[in-house]
């Protein structure tokens, strides 16, 4: 059975200044997620499930239904503020989505195979989908099993501003032990990679990170049994933060919670692929140039989906 690929495309793009999921960055008018789909299909994924907002639906259908219609099977799932397990309801003033952990949960009725889940606005590279598909297609994949594609930190930085990354610690057997969120990561002129941290007394300081550190870029693989646990964990989150206007429940936290309760294990799949994306508007020219080069080198056809 072919694994499914879930693409989280419900973000508002506040730092980018618009719906970057729809931005035509490739030489044939491709979006970044077009490349993820192309690479995933070549690696052996089957059905594609998009997580979007209802108010994006018309725009997405206008752009993507004609493009994808005869190439592969795909479905839309909406992630809305009120799409919560009973008895929870969102506060009336809340406008911010509930996070990537919630995005996973809303796909539960559409997915019954092992699946990968990624961001729509990140370029992951062919090798990432290769190693992830190989994991998900294993015949001995057990309930509770999941995987994280780990990128070298030095391959995930933006020239346009700071980034946040989940720095991973794994054991000798290659299983994830924990993820520590680091914020305001940047490379200095001296080539040092540093992160700003908040001290207990409210002051800020910097710590140095290693370029070889593995980090999460929200490229995960799961056995479908994760949905039962995800609902339980989202409910626990809502019990604590359901009245908050901005708290979110993210996939790294979900995986950490599963690991810490020993209800599953997460294999770290290292990739040497170089990530790039459009976190900031200033990233756009660099992304356009890199995609054009990949087509010129013959790595991708133009257009991807004729």
C-alpha atoms as a PDB file:
ATOM      1  CA  UNK A   1       0.000   0.000   0.000  1.00  0.00           C
ATOM      2  CA  UNK A   2       1.359   3.407  -0.949  1.00  0.00           C
ATOM      3  CA  UNK A   3       1.828   5.954   1.842  1.00  0.00           C
ATOM      4  CA  UNK A   4      -0.161   9.199   1.840  1.00  0.00           C
ATOM      5  CA  UNK A   5       1.370  12.670   1.876  1.00  0.00           C
ATOM      6  CA  UNK A   6      -0.340  15.382   3.927  1.00  0.00           C
ATOM      7  CA  UNK A   7       0.574  18.967   3.040  1.00  0.00           C
ATOM      8  CA  UNK A   8      -0.204  21.616   5.649  1.00  0.00           C
ATOM      9  CA  UNK A   9      -1.229  24.710   3.691  1.00  0.00           C
ATOM     10  CA  UNK A  10      -3.515  26.562   6.111  1.00  0.00           C
ATOM     11  CA  UNK A  11      -0.977  29.175   7.231  1.00  0.00           C
ATOM     12  CA  UNK A  12      -1.748  32.854   6.811  1.00  0.00           C
ATOM     13  CA  UNK A  13       1.747  33.936   5.663  1.00  0.00           C
ATOM     14  CA  UNK A  14       1.838  36.968   7.949  1.00  0.00           C
ATOM     15  CA  UNK A  15       5.622  37.456   7.702  1.00  0.00           C
ATOM     16  CA  UNK A  16       5.526  36.890   3.952  1.00  0.00           C
ATOM     17  CA  UNK A  17       2.728  39.308   3.263  1.00  0.00           C
ATOM     18  CA  UNK A  18       0.348  36.959   1.469  1.00  0.00           C
ATOM     19  CA  UNK A  19      -0.499  33.360   0.600  1.00  0.00           C
ATOM     20  CA  UNK A  20       2.956  32.016  -0.178  1.00  0.00           C
ATOM     21  CA  UNK A  21       1.375  28.595  -0.788  1.00  0.00           C
ATOM     22  CA  UNK A  22       0.032  30.021  -4.066  1.00  0.00           C
ATOM     23  CA  UNK A  23       3.093  32.034  -5.082  1.00  0.00           C
ATOM     24  CA  UNK A  24       4.374  30.937  -8.501  1.00  0.00           C
ATOM     25  CA  UNK A  25       8.120  30.694  -7.948  1.00  0.00           C
ATOM     26  CA  UNK A  26       9.265  28.097 -10.485  1.00  0.00           C
ATOM     27  CA  UNK A  27      10.073  28.878 -14.141  1.00  0.00           C
ATOM     28  CA  UNK A  28       6.865  27.168 -15.264  1.00  0.00           C
ATOM     29  CA  UNK A  29       4.705  28.886 -12.640  1.00  0.00           C
ATOM     30  CA  UNK A  30       5.249  26.174 -10.013  1.00  0.00           C
ATOM     31  CA  UNK A  31       4.617  26.690  -6.315  1.00  0.00           C
ATOM     32  CA  UNK A  32       7.026  25.222  -3.767  1.00  0.00           C
ATOM     33  CA  UNK A  33       4.595  22.476  -2.843  1.00  0.00           C
ATOM     34  CA  UNK A  34       4.463  21.408  -6.493  1.00  0.00           C
ATOM     35  CA  UNK A  35       8.055  20.256  -6.071  1.00  0.00           C
ATOM     36  CA  UNK A  36       7.238  18.366  -2.871  1.00  0.00           C
ATOM     37  CA  UNK A  37       4.395  16.572  -4.649  1.00  0.00           C
ATOM     38  CA  UNK A  38       6.567  15.744  -7.667  1.00  0.00           C
ATOM     39  CA  UNK A  39       9.374  14.367  -5.473  1.00  0.00           C
ATOM     40  CA  UNK A  40       6.950  12.460  -3.240  1.00  0.00           C
ATOM     41  CA  UNK A  41       5.224  10.758  -6.171  1.00  0.00           C
ATOM     42  CA  UNK A  42       8.582   9.694  -7.580  1.00  0.00           C
ATOM     43  CA  UNK A  43       9.535   8.299  -4.166  1.00  0.00           C
ATOM     44  CA  UNK A  44       6.410   6.137  -4.033  1.00  0.00           C
ATOM     45  CA  UNK A  45       3.746   8.179  -2.249  1.00  0.00           C
ATOM     46  CA  UNK A  46       0.173   7.853  -3.517  1.00  0.00           C
ATOM     47  CA  UNK A  47      -2.731  10.041  -2.435  1.00  0.00           C
ATOM     48  CA  UNK A  48      -2.094  13.696  -1.484  1.00  0.00           C
ATOM     49  CA  UNK A  49      -4.178  15.388   1.231  1.00  0.00           C
ATOM     50  CA  UNK A  50      -4.090  19.179   1.504  1.00  0.00           C
ATOM     51  CA  UNK A  51      -4.945  20.893   4.791  1.00  0.00           C
ATOM     52  CA  UNK A  52      -6.303  24.364   4.015  1.00  0.00           C
ATOM     53  CA  UNK A  53      -8.728  26.940   5.395  1.00  0.00           C
ATOM     54  CA  UNK A  54     -12.259  27.246   4.033  1.00  0.00           C
ATOM     55  CA  UNK A  55     -11.629  30.807   2.904  1.00  0.00           C
ATOM     56  CA  UNK A  56      -8.682  29.569   0.780  1.00  0.00           C
ATOM     57  CA  UNK A  57     -10.737  26.885  -0.950  1.00  0.00           C
ATOM     58  CA  UNK A  58     -11.818  28.839  -4.034  1.00  0.00           C
ATOM     59  CA  UNK A  59      -8.271  30.086  -4.694  1.00  0.00           C
ATOM     60  CA  UNK A  60      -6.765  26.628  -4.247  1.00  0.00           C
ATOM     61  CA  UNK A  61      -9.305  24.935  -6.479  1.00  0.00           C
ATOM     62  CA  UNK A  62      -8.847  27.540  -9.195  1.00  0.00           C
ATOM     63  CA  UNK A  63      -5.059  27.122  -9.230  1.00  0.00           C
ATOM     64  CA  UNK A  64      -4.507  23.468  -8.424  1.00  0.00           C
ATOM     65  CA  UNK A  65      -7.488  21.426  -9.592  1.00  0.00           C
ATOM     66  CA  UNK A  66      -6.704  22.022 -13.302  1.00  0.00           C
ATOM     67  CA  UNK A  67      -3.000  21.420 -12.650  1.00  0.00           C
ATOM     68  CA  UNK A  68      -3.292  18.208 -10.639  1.00  0.00           C
ATOM     69  CA  UNK A  69      -6.574  16.765 -11.910  1.00  0.00           C
ATOM     70  CA  UNK A  70      -5.275  13.964 -14.147  1.00  0.00           C
ATOM     71  CA  UNK A  71      -1.843  13.372 -12.573  1.00  0.00           C
ATOM     72  CA  UNK A  72      -2.628  11.879  -9.154  1.00  0.00           C
ATOM     73  CA  UNK A  73      -5.327  11.453  -6.505  1.00  0.00           C
ATOM     74  CA  UNK A  74      -5.770  14.343  -4.064  1.00  0.00           C
ATOM     75  CA  UNK A  75      -8.249  15.617  -1.488  1.00  0.00           C
ATOM     76  CA  UNK A  76      -8.893  18.818   0.480  1.00  0.00           C
ATOM     77  CA  UNK A  77      -9.360  18.954   4.265  1.00  0.00           C
ATOM     78  CA  UNK A  78     -10.151  22.186   6.066  1.00  0.00           C
ATOM     79  CA  UNK A  79      -8.627  23.244   9.376  1.00  0.00           C
ATOM     80  CA  UNK A  80     -10.945  25.629  11.190  1.00  0.00           C
ATOM     81  CA  UNK A  81     -10.888  27.116  14.674  1.00  0.00           C
ATOM     82  CA  UNK A  82     -14.084  25.322  15.675  1.00  0.00           C
ATOM     83  CA  UNK A  83     -12.975  21.913  14.358  1.00  0.00           C
ATOM     84  CA  UNK A  84     -12.199  20.627  17.850  1.00  0.00           C
ATOM     85  CA  UNK A  85     -12.966  17.384  19.669  1.00  0.00           C
ATOM     86  CA  UNK A  86     -16.008  17.593  21.941  1.00  0.00           C
ATOM     87  CA  UNK A  87     -16.725  19.310  24.266  1.00  0.00           C
ATOM     88  CA  UNK A  88     -14.234  22.070  23.379  1.00  0.00           C
ATOM     89  CA  UNK A  89     -15.141  25.288  21.598  1.00  0.00           C
ATOM     90  CA  UNK A  90     -12.765  28.122  20.669  1.00  0.00           C
ATOM     91  CA  UNK A  91     -12.901  31.502  22.424  1.00  0.00           C
ATOM     92  CA  UNK A  92     -14.875  34.021  20.388  1.00  0.00           C
ATOM     93  CA  UNK A  93     -11.887  36.376  20.061  1.00  0.00           C
ATOM     94  CA  UNK A  94      -9.444  33.790  18.748  1.00  0.00           C
ATOM     95  CA  UNK A  95      -8.249  34.116  15.129  1.00  0.00           C
ATOM     96  CA  UNK A  96      -4.958  32.172  15.248  1.00  0.00           C
ATOM     97  CA  UNK A  97      -4.940  28.509  14.079  1.00  0.00           C
ATOM     98  CA  UNK A  98      -4.399  25.781  16.674  1.00  0.00           C
ATOM     99  CA  UNK A  99      -1.075  24.581  15.243  1.00  0.00           C
ATOM    100  CA  UNK A 100       0.393  21.709  13.265  1.00  0.00           C
ATOM    101  CA  UNK A 101      -0.583  19.067  15.822  1.00  0.00           C
ATOM    102  CA  UNK A 102      -4.201  20.066  15.267  1.00  0.00           C
ATOM    103  CA  UNK A 103      -3.617  20.071  11.495  1.00  0.00           C
ATOM    104  CA  UNK A 104      -2.615  16.414  11.700  1.00  0.00           C
ATOM    105  CA  UNK A 105      -5.714  15.556  13.720  1.00  0.00           C
ATOM    106  CA  UNK A 106      -8.193  17.072  11.228  1.00  0.00           C
ATOM    107  CA  UNK A 107      -6.996  14.634   8.534  1.00  0.00           C
ATOM    108  CA  UNK A 108      -7.967  11.549  10.552  1.00  0.00           C
ATOM    109  CA  UNK A 109     -11.083  10.720   8.490  1.00  0.00           C
ATOM    110  CA  UNK A 110      -9.175  10.903   5.192  1.00  0.00           C
ATOM    111  CA  UNK A 111      -6.064   8.835   5.999  1.00  0.00           C
ATOM    112  CA  UNK A 112      -5.814   5.148   6.882  1.00  0.00           C
ATOM    113  CA  UNK A 113      -2.322   4.371   5.581  1.00  0.00           C
ATOM    114  CA  UNK A 114       1.136   5.244   6.865  1.00  0.00           C
ATOM    115  CA  UNK A 115       1.657   8.890   5.985  1.00  0.00           C
ATOM    116  CA  UNK A 116       4.113  11.718   5.726  1.00  0.00           C
ATOM    117  CA  UNK A 117       3.249  15.265   6.711  1.00  0.00           C
ATOM    118  CA  UNK A 118       5.037  18.438   5.599  1.00  0.00           C
ATOM    119  CA  UNK A 119       4.713  22.217   5.311  1.00  0.00           C
ATOM    120  CA  UNK A 120       3.493  23.674   2.018  1.00  0.00           C
ATOM    121  CA  UNK A 121       6.103  26.428   1.861  1.00  0.00           C
ATOM    122  CA  UNK A 122       9.313  24.455   2.419  1.00  0.00           C
ATOM    123  CA  UNK A 123      11.487  22.924  -0.295  1.00  0.00           C
ATOM    124  CA  UNK A 124      12.624  19.615   1.197  1.00  0.00           C
ATOM    125  CA  UNK A 125      14.606  17.996  -1.624  1.00  0.00           C
ATOM    126  CA  UNK A 126      14.338  14.601  -3.293  1.00  0.00           C
ATOM    127  CA  UNK A 127      16.394  12.747  -0.697  1.00  0.00           C
ATOM    128  CA  UNK A 128      14.004  13.716   2.108  1.00  0.00           C
ATOM    129  CA  UNK A 129      11.068  12.023   0.378  1.00  0.00           C
ATOM    130  CA  UNK A 130      13.193   9.024  -0.548  1.00  0.00           C
ATOM    131  CA  UNK A 131      14.226   8.260   3.045  1.00  0.00           C
ATOM    132  CA  UNK A 132      10.733   8.999   4.365  1.00  0.00           C
ATOM    133  CA  UNK A 133       8.985   6.784   1.799  1.00  0.00           C
ATOM    134  CA  UNK A 134      11.408   3.926   2.508  1.00  0.00           C
ATOM    135  CA  UNK A 135      10.489   4.122   6.197  1.00  0.00           C
ATOM    136  CA  UNK A 136       6.735   4.292   5.623  1.00  0.00           C
ATOM    137  CA  UNK A 137       6.739   1.381   3.149  1.00  0.00           C
ATOM    138  CA  UNK A 138       8.417  -0.993   5.592  1.00  0.00           C
ATOM    139  CA  UNK A 139       6.394  -4.160   6.082  1.00  0.00           C
ATOM    140  CA  UNK A 140       7.406  -4.307   9.760  1.00  0.00           C
ATOM    141  CA  UNK A 141       6.142  -0.794  10.551  1.00  0.00           C
ATOM    142  CA  UNK A 142       4.420  -1.116  13.921  1.00  0.00           C
ATOM    143  CA  UNK A 143       1.675   0.932  15.611  1.00  0.00           C
ATOM    144  CA  UNK A 144       3.269   3.841  17.443  1.00  0.00           C
ATOM    145  CA  UNK A 145       6.154   4.098  14.996  1.00  0.00           C
ATOM    146  CA  UNK A 146       7.026   7.473  13.541  1.00  0.00           C
ATOM    147  CA  UNK A 147      10.005   9.124  11.887  1.00  0.00           C
ATOM    148  CA  UNK A 148      11.499  12.567  11.582  1.00  0.00           C
ATOM    149  CA  UNK A 149      13.600  13.633   8.605  1.00  0.00           C
ATOM    150  CA  UNK A 150      16.532  15.415  10.234  1.00  0.00           C
ATOM    151  CA  UNK A 151      18.333  18.230   8.435  1.00  0.00           C
ATOM    152  CA  UNK A 152      21.729  19.582   9.301  1.00  0.00           C
ATOM    153  CA  UNK A 153      21.136  22.961  10.892  1.00  0.00           C
ATOM    154  CA  UNK A 154      23.639  24.674   8.595  1.00  0.00           C
ATOM    155  CA  UNK A 155      21.477  23.604   5.618  1.00  0.00           C
ATOM    156  CA  UNK A 156      18.302  25.248   6.947  1.00  0.00           C
ATOM    157  CA  UNK A 157      19.175  28.895   7.639  1.00  0.00           C
ATOM    158  CA  UNK A 158      17.711  31.955   5.934  1.00  0.00           C
ATOM    159  CA  UNK A 159      19.779  34.878   4.673  1.00  0.00           C
ATOM    160  CA  UNK A 160      16.827  37.209   5.201  1.00  0.00           C
ATOM    161  CA  UNK A 161      16.340  36.896   8.956  1.00  0.00           C
ATOM    162  CA  UNK A 162      16.334  34.664  11.998  1.00  0.00           C
ATOM    163  CA  UNK A 163      14.586  31.299  12.127  1.00  0.00           C
ATOM    164  CA  UNK A 164      13.273  28.934  14.768  1.00  0.00           C
ATOM    165  CA  UNK A 165      14.297  25.288  14.669  1.00  0.00           C
ATOM    166  CA  UNK A 166      13.699  22.192  16.760  1.00  0.00           C
ATOM    167  CA  UNK A 167      17.167  20.884  17.665  1.00  0.00           C
ATOM    168  CA  UNK A 168      17.123  17.111  18.007  1.00  0.00           C
ATOM    169  CA  UNK A 169      18.882  14.719  20.327  1.00  0.00           C
ATOM    170  CA  UNK A 170      19.004  11.066  19.325  1.00  0.00           C
ATOM    171  CA  UNK A 171      20.368   7.950  21.002  1.00  0.00           C
ATOM    172  CA  UNK A 172      22.991   5.567  19.659  1.00  0.00           C
ATOM    173  CA  UNK A 173      20.343   3.507  17.896  1.00  0.00           C
ATOM    174  CA  UNK A 174      19.120   6.476  15.882  1.00  0.00           C
ATOM    175  CA  UNK A 175      15.887   7.114  17.785  1.00  0.00           C
ATOM    176  CA  UNK A 176      14.801  10.589  18.798  1.00  0.00           C
ATOM    177  CA  UNK A 177      15.144  11.335  22.505  1.00  0.00           C
ATOM    178  CA  UNK A 178      13.970  14.959  22.574  1.00  0.00           C
ATOM    179  CA  UNK A 179      13.491  18.139  20.564  1.00  0.00           C
ATOM    180  CA  UNK A 180      14.457  21.521  22.006  1.00  0.00           C
ATOM    181  CA  UNK A 181      12.967  24.562  20.310  1.00  0.00           C
ATOM    182  CA  UNK A 182      15.589  27.247  19.627  1.00  0.00           C
ATOM    183  CA  UNK A 183      14.578  30.710  18.512  1.00  0.00           C
ATOM    184  CA  UNK A 184      16.130  33.647  16.641  1.00  0.00           C
ATOM    185  CA  UNK A 185      18.802  31.444  15.073  1.00  0.00           C
ATOM    186  CA  UNK A 186      21.181  33.220  12.718  1.00  0.00           C
ATOM    187  CA  UNK A 187      24.633  32.836  11.204  1.00  0.00           C
ATOM    188  CA  UNK A 188      27.029  35.637  12.076  1.00  0.00           C
ATOM    189  CA  UNK A 189      29.689  37.056   9.774  1.00  0.00           C
ATOM    190  CA  UNK A 190      32.193  34.915  11.663  1.00  0.00           C
ATOM    191  CA  UNK A 191      30.175  31.856  10.529  1.00  0.00           C
ATOM    192  CA  UNK A 192      29.137  31.145  14.138  1.00  0.00           C
ATOM    193  CA  UNK A 193      25.525  29.965  14.427  1.00  0.00           C
ATOM    194  CA  UNK A 194      23.857  31.461  17.491  1.00  0.00           C
ATOM    195  CA  UNK A 195      20.420  31.413  19.093  1.00  0.00           C
ATOM    196  CA  UNK A 196      18.879  33.936  21.477  1.00  0.00           C
ATOM    197  CA  UNK A 197      17.460  32.456  24.687  1.00  0.00           C
ATOM    198  CA  UNK A 198      15.429  33.996  27.474  1.00  0.00           C
ATOM    199  CA  UNK A 199      16.901  33.566  30.940  1.00  0.00           C
ATOM    200  CA  UNK A 200      14.801  32.870  34.054  1.00  0.00           C
ATOM    201  CA  UNK A 201      15.343  36.471  35.242  1.00  0.00           C
ATOM    202  CA  UNK A 202      13.882  37.864  32.016  1.00  0.00           C
ATOM    203  CA  UNK A 203      17.174  38.851  30.416  1.00  0.00           C
ATOM    204  CA  UNK A 204      18.413  37.444  27.115  1.00  0.00           C
ATOM    205  CA  UNK A 205      21.647  35.767  26.171  1.00  0.00           C
ATOM    206  CA  UNK A 206      23.070  33.809  23.258  1.00  0.00           C
ATOM    207  CA  UNK A 207      24.157  30.223  22.885  1.00  0.00           C
ATOM    208  CA  UNK A 208      26.214  28.765  20.064  1.00  0.00           C
ATOM    209  CA  UNK A 209      24.812  25.913  17.995  1.00  0.00           C
ATOM    210  CA  UNK A 210      26.695  23.437  15.826  1.00  0.00           C
ATOM    211  CA  UNK A 211      26.107  23.429  12.084  1.00  0.00           C
ATOM    212  CA  UNK A 212      26.002  19.623  12.156  1.00  0.00           C
ATOM    213  CA  UNK A 213      23.170  19.558  14.702  1.00  0.00           C
ATOM    214  CA  UNK A 214      20.125  17.806  13.299  1.00  0.00           C
ATOM    215  CA  UNK A 215      16.915  19.791  13.328  1.00  0.00           C
ATOM    216  CA  UNK A 216      13.283  19.257  12.447  1.00  0.00           C
ATOM    217  CA  UNK A 217      11.768  21.005   9.420  1.00  0.00           C
ATOM    218  CA  UNK A 218       8.286  19.526   9.964  1.00  0.00           C
ATOM    219  CA  UNK A 219       8.894  16.564   7.703  1.00  0.00           C
ATOM    220  CA  UNK A 220       7.437  13.617   9.621  1.00  0.00           C
ATOM    221  CA  UNK A 221       6.198  10.109   9.018  1.00  0.00           C
ATOM    222  CA  UNK A 222       3.548   8.293  11.089  1.00  0.00           C
ATOM    223  CA  UNK A 223       1.746   4.994  11.414  1.00  0.00           C
ATOM    224  CA  UNK A 224      -2.009   5.791  11.227  1.00  0.00           C
ATOM    225  CA  UNK A 225      -2.426   4.618  14.836  1.00  0.00           C
ATOM    226  CA  UNK A 226      -1.090   8.057  15.814  1.00  0.00           C
ATOM    227  CA  UNK A 227      -4.556   9.582  15.347  1.00  0.00           C
ATOM    228  CA  UNK A 228      -5.917   8.018  18.538  1.00  0.00           C
ATOM    229  CA  UNK A 229      -3.033   9.421  20.549  1.00  0.00           C
ATOM    230  CA  UNK A 230      -3.189  12.771  18.748  1.00  0.00           C
ATOM    231  CA  UNK A 231      -6.821  13.279  19.767  1.00  0.00           C
ATOM    232  CA  UNK A 232      -5.940  12.526  23.373  1.00  0.00           C
ATOM    233  CA  UNK A 233      -3.005  14.948  23.329  1.00  0.00           C
ATOM    234  CA  UNK A 234      -4.946  17.734  21.604  1.00  0.00           C
ATOM    235  CA  UNK A 235      -7.645  17.384  24.280  1.00  0.00           C
ATOM    236  CA  UNK A 236      -4.999  17.666  27.004  1.00  0.00           C
ATOM    237  CA  UNK A 237      -3.645  20.785  25.326  1.00  0.00           C
ATOM    238  CA  UNK A 238      -7.127  22.324  25.089  1.00  0.00           C
ATOM    239  CA  UNK A 239      -7.805  21.614  28.755  1.00  0.00           C
ATOM    240  CA  UNK A 240      -4.815  23.794  29.624  1.00  0.00           C
ATOM    241  CA  UNK A 241      -4.814  26.355  26.818  1.00  0.00           C
ATOM    242  CA  UNK A 242      -8.252  26.222  25.196  1.00  0.00           C
ATOM    243  CA  UNK A 243      -9.135  29.733  26.340  1.00  0.00           C
ATOM    244  CA  UNK A 244      -5.861  31.242  25.167  1.00  0.00           C
ATOM    245  CA  UNK A 245      -5.901  33.418  22.060  1.00  0.00           C
ATOM    246  CA  UNK A 246      -2.534  32.400  20.586  1.00  0.00           C
ATOM    247  CA  UNK A 247      -1.171  29.164  22.106  1.00  0.00           C
ATOM    248  CA  UNK A 248      -0.659  26.398  19.522  1.00  0.00           C
ATOM    249  CA  UNK A 249      -0.004  22.665  19.673  1.00  0.00           C
ATOM    250  CA  UNK A 250       2.782  21.707  17.290  1.00  0.00           C
ATOM    251  CA  UNK A 251       4.005  18.424  15.817  1.00  0.00           C
ATOM    252  CA  UNK A 252       7.398  18.457  17.618  1.00  0.00           C
ATOM    253  CA  UNK A 253       5.508  18.764  20.923  1.00  0.00           C
ATOM    254  CA  UNK A 254       3.167  15.940  19.931  1.00  0.00           C
ATOM    255  CA  UNK A 255       6.109  13.671  19.110  1.00  0.00           C
ATOM    256  CA  UNK A 256       7.898  14.656  22.315  1.00  0.00           C
ATOM    257  CA  UNK A 257       4.771  13.814  24.310  1.00  0.00           C
ATOM    258  CA  UNK A 258       4.537  10.389  22.660  1.00  0.00           C
ATOM    259  CA  UNK A 259       8.207   9.665  23.323  1.00  0.00           C
ATOM    260  CA  UNK A 260       8.115  10.792  26.937  1.00  0.00           C
ATOM    261  CA  UNK A 261       5.103   8.580  27.715  1.00  0.00           C
ATOM    262  CA  UNK A 262       6.865   5.692  25.926  1.00  0.00           C
ATOM    263  CA  UNK A 263       3.785   5.083  23.761  1.00  0.00           C
ATOM    264  CA  UNK A 264       5.810   5.188  20.573  1.00  0.00           C
ATOM    265  CA  UNK A 265       9.255   5.695  19.093  1.00  0.00           C
ATOM    266  CA  UNK A 266      10.591   8.099  16.506  1.00  0.00           C
ATOM    267  CA  UNK A 267      13.348   7.111  14.103  1.00  0.00           C
ATOM    268  CA  UNK A 268      15.635   9.949  12.959  1.00  0.00           C
ATOM    269  CA  UNK A 269      16.163   9.792   9.193  1.00  0.00           C
ATOM    270  CA  UNK A 270      19.141  11.977   8.380  1.00  0.00           C
ATOM    271  CA  UNK A 271      19.205  13.741   5.034  1.00  0.00           C
ATOM    272  CA  UNK A 272      21.943  15.830   3.483  1.00  0.00           C
ATOM    273  CA  UNK A 273      19.401  17.681   1.374  1.00  0.00           C
ATOM    274  CA  UNK A 274      19.509  21.466   1.550  1.00  0.00           C
ATOM    275  CA  UNK A 275      16.288  23.082   2.675  1.00  0.00           C
ATOM    276  CA  UNK A 276      15.096  26.403   1.394  1.00  0.00           C
ATOM    277  CA  UNK A 277      11.828  28.270   1.661  1.00  0.00           C
ATOM    278  CA  UNK A 278      10.018  31.588   1.712  1.00  0.00           C
ATOM    279  CA  UNK A 279       9.891  32.477   5.376  1.00  0.00           C
ATOM    280  CA  UNK A 280      10.371  36.143   4.525  1.00  0.00           C
ATOM    281  CA  UNK A 281       9.436  38.175   1.440  1.00  0.00           C
ATOM    282  CA  UNK A 282      13.145  38.865   0.909  1.00  0.00           C
ATOM    283  CA  UNK A 283      13.684  35.111   0.427  1.00  0.00           C
ATOM    284  CA  UNK A 284      11.669  35.184  -2.793  1.00  0.00           C
ATOM    285  CA  UNK A 285      14.378  36.209  -5.327  1.00  0.00           C
ATOM    286  CA  UNK A 286      16.805  33.610  -3.955  1.00  0.00           C
ATOM    287  CA  UNK A 287      14.182  30.860  -4.150  1.00  0.00           C
ATOM    288  CA  UNK A 288      13.278  31.796  -7.731  1.00  0.00           C
ATOM    289  CA  UNK A 289      16.953  31.645  -8.716  1.00  0.00           C
ATOM    290  CA  UNK A 290      17.517  28.275  -7.021  1.00  0.00           C
ATOM    291  CA  UNK A 291      14.470  26.703  -8.620  1.00  0.00           C
ATOM    292  CA  UNK A 292      15.455  27.995 -12.042  1.00  0.00           C
ATOM    293  CA  UNK A 293      18.912  26.447 -11.606  1.00  0.00           C
ATOM    294  CA  UNK A 294      17.372  23.061 -10.725  1.00  0.00           C
ATOM    295  CA  UNK A 295      15.386  23.126 -13.967  1.00  0.00           C
ATOM    296  CA  UNK A 296      18.409  24.261 -15.977  1.00  0.00           C
ATOM    297  CA  UNK A 297      20.409  21.344 -14.549  1.00  0.00           C
ATOM    298  CA  UNK A 298      17.700  18.936 -15.695  1.00  0.00           C
ATOM    299  CA  UNK A 299      16.707  17.850 -12.185  1.00  0.00           C
ATOM    300  CA  UNK A 300      13.122  18.918 -12.873  1.00  0.00           C
ATOM    301  CA  UNK A 301      11.139  19.179 -16.127  1.00  0.00           C
ATOM    302  CA  UNK A 302       9.430  22.419 -17.134  1.00  0.00           C
ATOM    303  CA  UNK A 303       6.590  22.486 -16.266  1.00  0.00           C
ATOM    304  CA  UNK A 304       6.386  19.865 -13.555  1.00  0.00           C
ATOM    305  CA  UNK A 305       2.793  18.929 -14.406  1.00  0.00           C
ATOM    306  CA  UNK A 306       2.198  19.563 -18.111  1.00  0.00           C
END
